[in-house]
Amino acid sequence: DRQAGSDYRFAYLSSFPLGPGGDGSLVRYDLTNASRQQWHPGPGCSVGEVVFVPRDGSKAEDDGWLVGYVHDEPAGTSRLVVLAADDLTAGPVGSVEIPARIPYGFHGNWIPTTA
């Protein structure tokens, strides 16, 4: 949210497996050098919309975490994942299993306690 209305370098998108090229991954696009990173949550799983959570005191655009839900279609469950925004290829730094399916489109915003 701190980049809203300003120039930005990075875009984070979910690649839903609904059409050609979509595979359920989370993709980070670097709009400056046209590169990308990708993380796939596993067979039958898809990443929903993520929220960027900045590290306390950070200034760099990608210094923080991406928080969102992974949907496991075959199991009918979900998990909340936390990934480092600057390195998707490292995979989650944290994960919470949820014994129910969280629907696609369920998302929120991050509001720090100092706000």
C-alpha atoms as a PDB file:
ATOM      1  CA  ASP A   1       0.000   0.000   0.000  1.00  0.00           C
ATOM      2  CA  ARG A   2       2.900   2.395   0.611  1.00  0.00           C
ATOM      3  CA  GLN A   3       3.628   2.310  -3.165  1.00  0.00           C
ATOM      4  CA  ALA A   4       0.016   3.028  -4.171  1.00  0.00           C
ATOM      5  CA  GLY A   5      -0.084   5.858  -6.691  1.00  0.00           C
ATOM      6  CA  SER A   6       3.717   5.889  -7.034  1.00  0.00           C
ATOM      7  CA  ASP A   7       6.183   4.376  -9.450  1.00  0.00           C
ATOM      8  CA  TYR A   8       7.112   0.814  -8.539  1.00  0.00           C
ATOM      9  CA  ARG A   9       9.612  -1.765  -9.688  1.00  0.00           C
ATOM     10  CA  PHE A  10       8.040  -5.068  -8.621  1.00  0.00           C
ATOM     11  CA  ALA A  11       4.674  -6.646  -9.355  1.00  0.00           C
ATOM     12  CA  TYR A  12       3.440  -9.819  -7.625  1.00  0.00           C
ATOM     13  CA  LEU A  13       0.779 -11.890  -9.381  1.00  0.00           C
ATOM     14  CA  SER A  14      -0.952 -15.228  -9.018  1.00  0.00           C
ATOM     15  CA  SER A  15      -0.875 -17.417 -12.111  1.00  0.00           C
ATOM     16  CA  PHE A  16      -4.169 -19.301 -11.864  1.00  0.00           C
ATOM     17  CA  PRO A  17      -4.260 -22.633 -13.711  1.00  0.00           C
ATOM     18  CA  LEU A  18      -7.299 -21.575 -15.731  1.00  0.00           C
ATOM     19  CA  GLY A  19      -5.740 -20.967 -19.129  1.00  0.00           C
ATOM     20  CA  PRO A  20      -2.600 -21.406 -21.197  1.00  0.00           C
ATOM     21  CA  GLY A  21       0.517 -20.697 -19.127  1.00  0.00           C
ATOM     22  CA  GLY A  22      -1.311 -20.504 -15.801  1.00  0.00           C
ATOM     23  CA  ASP A  23      -0.053 -23.030 -13.277  1.00  0.00           C
ATOM     24  CA  GLY A  24      -1.057 -21.851  -9.791  1.00  0.00           C
ATOM     25  CA  SER A  25       2.294 -20.158  -9.091  1.00  0.00           C
ATOM     26  CA  LEU A  26       3.109 -16.874  -7.428  1.00  0.00           C
ATOM     27  CA  VAL A  27       5.194 -14.732  -9.797  1.00  0.00           C
ATOM     28  CA  ARG A  28       7.355 -11.696  -9.037  1.00  0.00           C
ATOM     29  CA  TYR A  29       8.018  -9.473 -12.042  1.00  0.00           C
ATOM     30  CA  ASP A  30      10.911  -7.014 -12.008  1.00  0.00           C
ATOM     31  CA  LEU A  31       9.649  -4.253 -14.271  1.00  0.00           C
ATOM     32  CA  THR A  32      13.082  -2.601 -14.496  1.00  0.00           C
ATOM     33  CA  ASN A  33      15.089  -5.475 -15.948  1.00  0.00           C
ATOM     34  CA  ALA A  34      12.215  -7.637 -17.275  1.00  0.00           C
ATOM     35  CA  SER A  35      13.139 -10.620 -15.098  1.00  0.00           C
ATOM     36  CA  ARG A  36      10.860 -12.798 -13.000  1.00  0.00           C
ATOM     37  CA  GLN A  37      10.910 -15.208 -10.082  1.00  0.00           C
ATOM     38  CA  GLN A  38       8.347 -17.905  -9.480  1.00  0.00           C
ATOM     39  CA  TRP A  39       7.222 -20.176  -6.653  1.00  0.00           C
ATOM     40  CA  HIS A  40       4.844 -23.077  -7.151  1.00  0.00           C
ATOM     41  CA  PRO A  41       3.131 -24.512  -4.058  1.00  0.00           C
ATOM     42  CA  GLY A  42       2.952 -28.111  -5.309  1.00  0.00           C
ATOM     43  CA  PRO A  43       0.732 -30.451  -7.331  1.00  0.00           C
ATOM     44  CA  GLY A  44      -2.940 -29.523  -7.307  1.00  0.00           C
ATOM     45  CA  CYS A  45      -2.247 -26.296  -5.391  1.00  0.00           C
ATOM     46  CA  SER A  46      -2.670 -22.657  -6.353  1.00  0.00           C
ATOM     47  CA  VAL A  47      -1.678 -19.390  -4.703  1.00  0.00           C
ATOM     48  CA  GLY A  48      -4.373 -16.785  -4.160  1.00  0.00           C
ATOM     49  CA  GLU A  49      -3.865 -13.033  -3.956  1.00  0.00           C
ATOM     50  CA  VAL A  50      -1.036 -12.047  -1.614  1.00  0.00           C
ATOM     51  CA  VAL A  51      -0.582  -9.001   0.597  1.00  0.00           C
ATOM     52  CA  PHE A  52       2.780  -7.256   0.990  1.00  0.00           C
ATOM     53  CA  VAL A  53       3.847  -6.713   4.613  1.00  0.00           C
ATOM     54  CA  PRO A  54       6.838  -4.352   4.908  1.00  0.00           C
ATOM     55  CA  ARG A  55       9.595  -5.097   7.385  1.00  0.00           C
ATOM     56  CA  ASP A  56       9.579  -2.560  10.259  1.00  0.00           C
ATOM     57  CA  GLY A  57      11.680   0.447   9.275  1.00  0.00           C
ATOM     58  CA  SER A  58      12.275  -0.776   5.731  1.00  0.00           C
ATOM     59  CA  LYS A  59      12.673   1.614   2.820  1.00  0.00           C
ATOM     60  CA  ALA A  60      13.338  -0.796  -0.072  1.00  0.00           C
ATOM     61  CA  GLU A  61      10.236  -1.641  -2.076  1.00  0.00           C
ATOM     62  CA  ASP A  62      10.734  -5.412  -1.709  1.00  0.00           C
ATOM     63  CA  ASP A  63      11.976  -5.494   1.911  1.00  0.00           C
ATOM     64  CA  GLY A  64       9.206  -7.476   3.550  1.00  0.00           C
ATOM     65  CA  TRP A  65       6.982 -10.507   3.189  1.00  0.00           C
ATOM     66  CA  LEU A  66       4.147 -11.721   0.999  1.00  0.00           C
ATOM     67  CA  VAL A  67       1.277 -13.276   2.942  1.00  0.00           C
ATOM     68  CA  GLY A  68      -1.497 -15.250   1.283  1.00  0.00           C
ATOM     69  CA  TYR A  69      -3.424 -18.485   0.987  1.00  0.00           C
ATOM     70  CA  VAL A  70      -2.508 -21.626  -0.906  1.00  0.00           C
ATOM     71  CA  HIS A  71      -5.476 -23.697  -2.026  1.00  0.00           C
ATOM     72  CA  ASP A  72      -4.972 -27.472  -2.112  1.00  0.00           C
ATOM     73  CA  GLU A  73      -7.768 -28.539  -4.450  1.00  0.00           C
ATOM     74  CA  PRO A  74      -7.394 -32.346  -4.087  1.00  0.00           C
ATOM     75  CA  ALA A  75      -7.351 -32.199  -0.266  1.00  0.00           C
ATOM     76  CA  GLY A  76      -9.996 -29.474   0.045  1.00  0.00           C
ATOM     77  CA  THR A  77      -7.779 -27.543   2.476  1.00  0.00           C
ATOM     78  CA  SER A  78      -5.756 -24.344   2.552  1.00  0.00           C
ATOM     79  CA  ARG A  79      -2.664 -22.968   4.209  1.00  0.00           C
ATOM     80  CA  LEU A  80      -1.514 -19.486   5.006  1.00  0.00           C
ATOM     81  CA  VAL A  81       2.012 -18.922   3.691  1.00  0.00           C
ATOM     82  CA  VAL A  82       4.617 -16.231   4.299  1.00  0.00           C
ATOM     83  CA  LEU A  83       7.321 -15.711   1.656  1.00  0.00           C
ATOM     84  CA  ALA A  84      10.243 -13.282   1.502  1.00  0.00           C
ATOM     85  CA  ALA A  85       9.207 -10.693  -1.093  1.00  0.00           C
ATOM     86  CA  ASP A  86      12.755 -10.386  -2.421  1.00  0.00           C
ATOM     87  CA  ASP A  87      13.287 -14.140  -3.015  1.00  0.00           C
ATOM     88  CA  LEU A  88      10.276 -16.244  -3.977  1.00  0.00           C
ATOM     89  CA  THR A  89      12.526 -19.102  -5.059  1.00  0.00           C
ATOM     90  CA  ALA A  90      13.439 -19.763  -1.395  1.00  0.00           C
ATOM     91  CA  GLY A  91       9.865 -20.884  -0.704  1.00  0.00           C
ATOM     92  CA  PRO A  92       7.848 -20.111   2.423  1.00  0.00           C
ATOM     93  CA  VAL A  93       9.528 -18.860   5.582  1.00  0.00           C
ATOM     94  CA  GLY A  94       6.357 -19.847   7.451  1.00  0.00           C
ATOM     95  CA  SER A  95       3.169 -21.796   6.875  1.00  0.00           C
ATOM     96  CA  VAL A  96      -0.031 -22.485   8.842  1.00  0.00           C
ATOM     97  CA  GLU A  97      -2.226 -25.434   7.855  1.00  0.00           C
ATOM     98  CA  ILE A  98      -5.962 -24.687   7.772  1.00  0.00           C
ATOM     99  CA  PRO A  99      -8.233 -27.760   7.847  1.00  0.00           C
ATOM    100  CA  ALA A 100     -10.800 -26.127   5.551  1.00  0.00           C
ATOM    101  CA  ARG A 101     -10.798 -24.534   2.131  1.00  0.00           C
ATOM    102  CA  ILE A 102     -10.480 -20.748   2.101  1.00  0.00           C
ATOM    103  CA  PRO A 103     -12.263 -19.530  -1.054  1.00  0.00           C
ATOM    104  CA  TYR A 104     -10.443 -17.869  -3.936  1.00  0.00           C
ATOM    105  CA  GLY A 105     -10.614 -14.102  -3.697  1.00  0.00           C
ATOM    106  CA  PHE A 106     -10.437 -14.050   0.114  1.00  0.00           C
ATOM    107  CA  HIS A 107      -7.816 -11.483   1.022  1.00  0.00           C
ATOM    108  CA  GLY A 108      -7.105  -8.575   3.286  1.00  0.00           C
ATOM    109  CA  ASN A 109      -4.743  -5.732   4.060  1.00  0.00           C
ATOM    110  CA  TRP A 110      -1.876  -5.444   6.500  1.00  0.00           C
ATOM    111  CA  ILE A 111      -2.259  -2.748   9.147  1.00  0.00           C
ATOM    112  CA  PRO A 112       0.712  -2.411  11.483  1.00  0.00           C
ATOM    113  CA  THR A 113       0.036  -1.859  15.184  1.00  0.00           C
ATOM    114  CA  THR A 114       1.807   1.506  14.938  1.00  0.00           C
ATOM    115  CA  ALA A 115      -0.741   2.859  12.440  1.00  0.00           C
END
